[in-house]
C-alpha atoms as a PDB file:
ATOM      1  CA  MET A   1     -47.454  85.769 -36.144  1.00  0.00           C
ATOM      2  CA  THR A   2     -50.349  86.020 -33.706  1.00  0.00           C
ATOM      3  CA  ASP A   3     -48.598  83.520 -31.417  1.00  0.00           C
ATOM      4  CA  ALA A   4     -45.400  85.570 -31.515  1.00  0.00           C
ATOM      5  CA  LEU A   5     -47.257  88.570 -30.111  1.00  0.00           C
ATOM      6  CA  ALA A   6     -49.046  86.470 -27.503  1.00  0.00           C
ATOM      7  CA  ILE A   7     -45.734  85.105 -26.156  1.00  0.00           C
ATOM      8  CA  LYS A   8     -45.239  88.228 -24.105  1.00  0.00           C
ATOM      9  CA  ASN A   9     -47.069  88.052 -20.785  1.00  0.00           C
ATOM     10  CA  SER A  10     -48.602  91.507 -21.192  1.00  0.00           C
ATOM     11  CA  VAL A  11     -50.192  90.576 -24.541  1.00  0.00           C
ATOM     12  CA  SER A  12     -53.144  88.391 -23.647  1.00  0.00           C
ATOM     13  CA  SER A  13     -54.862  88.181 -27.054  1.00  0.00           C
ATOM     14  CA  ALA A  14     -53.770  89.270 -30.507  1.00  0.00           C
ATOM     15  CA  ALA A  15     -54.795  88.852 -34.135  1.00  0.00           C
ATOM     16  CA  VAL A  16     -52.871  89.938 -37.233  1.00  0.00           C
ATOM     17  CA  ILE A  17     -54.452  90.524 -40.629  1.00  0.00           C
ATOM     18  CA  GLY A  18     -53.204  91.724 -43.993  1.00  0.00           C
ATOM     19  CA  VAL A  19     -55.182  94.597 -45.503  1.00  0.00           C
ATOM     20  CA  GLU A  20     -54.959  95.219 -49.243  1.00  0.00           C
ATOM     21  CA  LYS A  21     -54.171  98.855 -49.990  1.00  0.00           C
ATOM     22  CA  GLY A  22     -53.956  98.958 -53.739  1.00  0.00           C
ATOM     23  CA  GLU A  23     -50.850  97.730 -55.504  1.00  0.00           C
ATOM     24  CA  GLY A  24     -47.888  96.428 -53.588  1.00  0.00           C
ATOM     25  CA  ARG A  25     -47.753  94.430 -50.405  1.00  0.00           C
ATOM     26  CA  PRO A  26     -50.653  94.391 -47.961  1.00  0.00           C
ATOM     27  CA  GLU A  27     -50.570  96.432 -44.781  1.00  0.00           C
ATOM     28  CA  MET A  28     -50.107  94.206 -41.717  1.00  0.00           C
ATOM     29  CA  VAL A  29     -52.360  95.274 -38.837  1.00  0.00           C
ATOM     30  CA  ALA A  30     -52.338  93.758 -35.340  1.00  0.00           C
ATOM     31  CA  PHE A  31     -55.390  93.882 -33.091  1.00  0.00           C
ATOM     32  CA  THR A  32     -54.731  93.264 -29.425  1.00  0.00           C
ATOM     33  CA  THR A  33     -56.515  93.437 -26.094  1.00  0.00           C
ATOM     34  CA  SER A  34     -53.320  94.661 -24.401  1.00  0.00           C
ATOM     35  CA  LEU A  35     -51.500  97.954 -24.565  1.00  0.00           C
ATOM     36  CA  ILE A  36     -48.455  97.411 -26.784  1.00  0.00           C
ATOM     37  CA  ASN A  37     -46.846  99.910 -29.112  1.00  0.00           C
ATOM     38  CA  LEU A  38     -45.849  99.315 -32.724  1.00  0.00           C
ATOM     39  CA  GLU A  39     -42.114  99.207 -32.050  1.00  0.00           C
ATOM     40  CA  GLU A  40     -42.518  96.658 -29.264  1.00  0.00           C
ATOM     41  CA  ALA A  41     -44.823  94.470 -31.392  1.00  0.00           C
ATOM     42  CA  ASN A  42     -42.341  94.420 -34.274  1.00  0.00           C
ATOM     43  CA  GLN A  43     -39.518  93.581 -31.860  1.00  0.00           C
ATOM     44  CA  LEU A  44     -41.504  90.577 -30.588  1.00  0.00           C
ATOM     45  CA  LEU A  45     -41.829  89.359 -34.188  1.00  0.00           C
ATOM     46  CA  ARG A  46     -38.035  89.657 -34.704  1.00  0.00           C
ATOM     47  CA  GLU A  47     -37.395  87.737 -31.470  1.00  0.00           C
ATOM     48  CA  ALA A  48     -39.777  85.000 -32.643  1.00  0.00           C
ATOM     49  CA  GLY A  49     -37.687  84.537 -35.795  1.00  0.00           C
ATOM     50  CA  PHE A  50     -39.680  86.470 -38.407  1.00  0.00           C
ATOM     51  CA  SER A  51     -37.608  88.199 -41.087  1.00  0.00           C
ATOM     52  CA  ASN A  52     -37.307  91.968 -41.397  1.00  0.00           C
ATOM     53  CA  LEU A  53     -39.650  91.738 -44.388  1.00  0.00           C
ATOM     54  CA  ILE A  54     -42.515  91.025 -41.985  1.00  0.00           C
ATOM     55  CA  ARG A  55     -43.388  94.302 -40.313  1.00  0.00           C
ATOM     56  CA  LEU A  56     -46.577  95.541 -38.719  1.00  0.00           C
ATOM     57  CA  GLU A  57     -47.851  98.890 -39.954  1.00  0.00           C
ATOM     58  CA  ARG A  58     -50.365  99.462 -37.153  1.00  0.00           C
ATOM     59  CA  VAL A  59     -51.345  98.095 -33.754  1.00  0.00           C
ATOM     60  CA  ILE A  60     -54.956  98.675 -32.700  1.00  0.00           C
ATOM     61  CA  LYS A  61     -56.084  98.059 -29.124  1.00  0.00           C
ATOM     62  CA  LYS A  62     -59.604  96.655 -28.663  1.00  0.00           C
ATOM     63  CA  GLU A  63     -61.546  95.669 -25.547  1.00  0.00           C
ATOM     64  CA  SER A  64     -62.072  92.168 -26.950  1.00  0.00           C
ATOM     65  CA  LEU A  65     -61.463  90.214 -30.136  1.00  0.00           C
ATOM     66  CA  PRO A  66     -64.589  89.024 -31.991  1.00  0.00           C
ATOM     67  CA  MET A  67     -64.927  85.260 -31.965  1.00  0.00           C
ATOM     68  CA  LEU A  68     -66.807  82.801 -34.127  1.00  0.00           C
ATOM     69  CA  GLY A  69     -69.128  80.267 -32.521  1.00  0.00           C
ATOM     70  CA  ILE A  70     -66.391  77.627 -32.788  1.00  0.00           C
ATOM     71  CA  GLY A  71     -63.981  79.689 -30.678  1.00  0.00           C
ATOM     72  CA  LYS A  72     -61.742  81.030 -33.452  1.00  0.00           C
ATOM     73  CA  ILE A  73     -61.069  84.715 -34.127  1.00  0.00           C
ATOM     74  CA  ASP A  74     -63.474  86.307 -36.638  1.00  0.00           C
ATOM     75  CA  TYR A  75     -60.927  87.841 -39.035  1.00  0.00           C
ATOM     76  CA  ARG A  76     -63.585  88.845 -41.556  1.00  0.00           C
ATOM     77  CA  LYS A  77     -65.154  91.218 -39.027  1.00  0.00           C
ATOM     78  CA  TRP A  78     -61.815  93.011 -38.570  1.00  0.00           C
ATOM     79  CA  GLN A  79     -61.376  93.478 -42.314  1.00  0.00           C
ATOM     80  CA  ASN A  80     -64.848  95.008 -42.530  1.00  0.00           C
ATOM     81  CA  GLU A  81     -63.928  97.532 -39.809  1.00  0.00           C
ATOM     82  CA  LEU A  82     -60.855  98.742 -41.667  1.00  0.00           C
END
């Protein structure tokens, strides 16, 4: 899903996490370093072949994505911020 958002030239970095919000399905939240709105992000997912069941609830723009020492995105840090 992260790669689907990064396909677009204007989206340089993106991370998607699922946030538990009680019962039911988790809320899908995208963090990105580029300015992209929710509708556009969901359209990119459709174009990449994701089903209509996969839908972002929020897109949050950040200056940078936190990285681990090994160069991977630190998803745990994002979950702590929400």
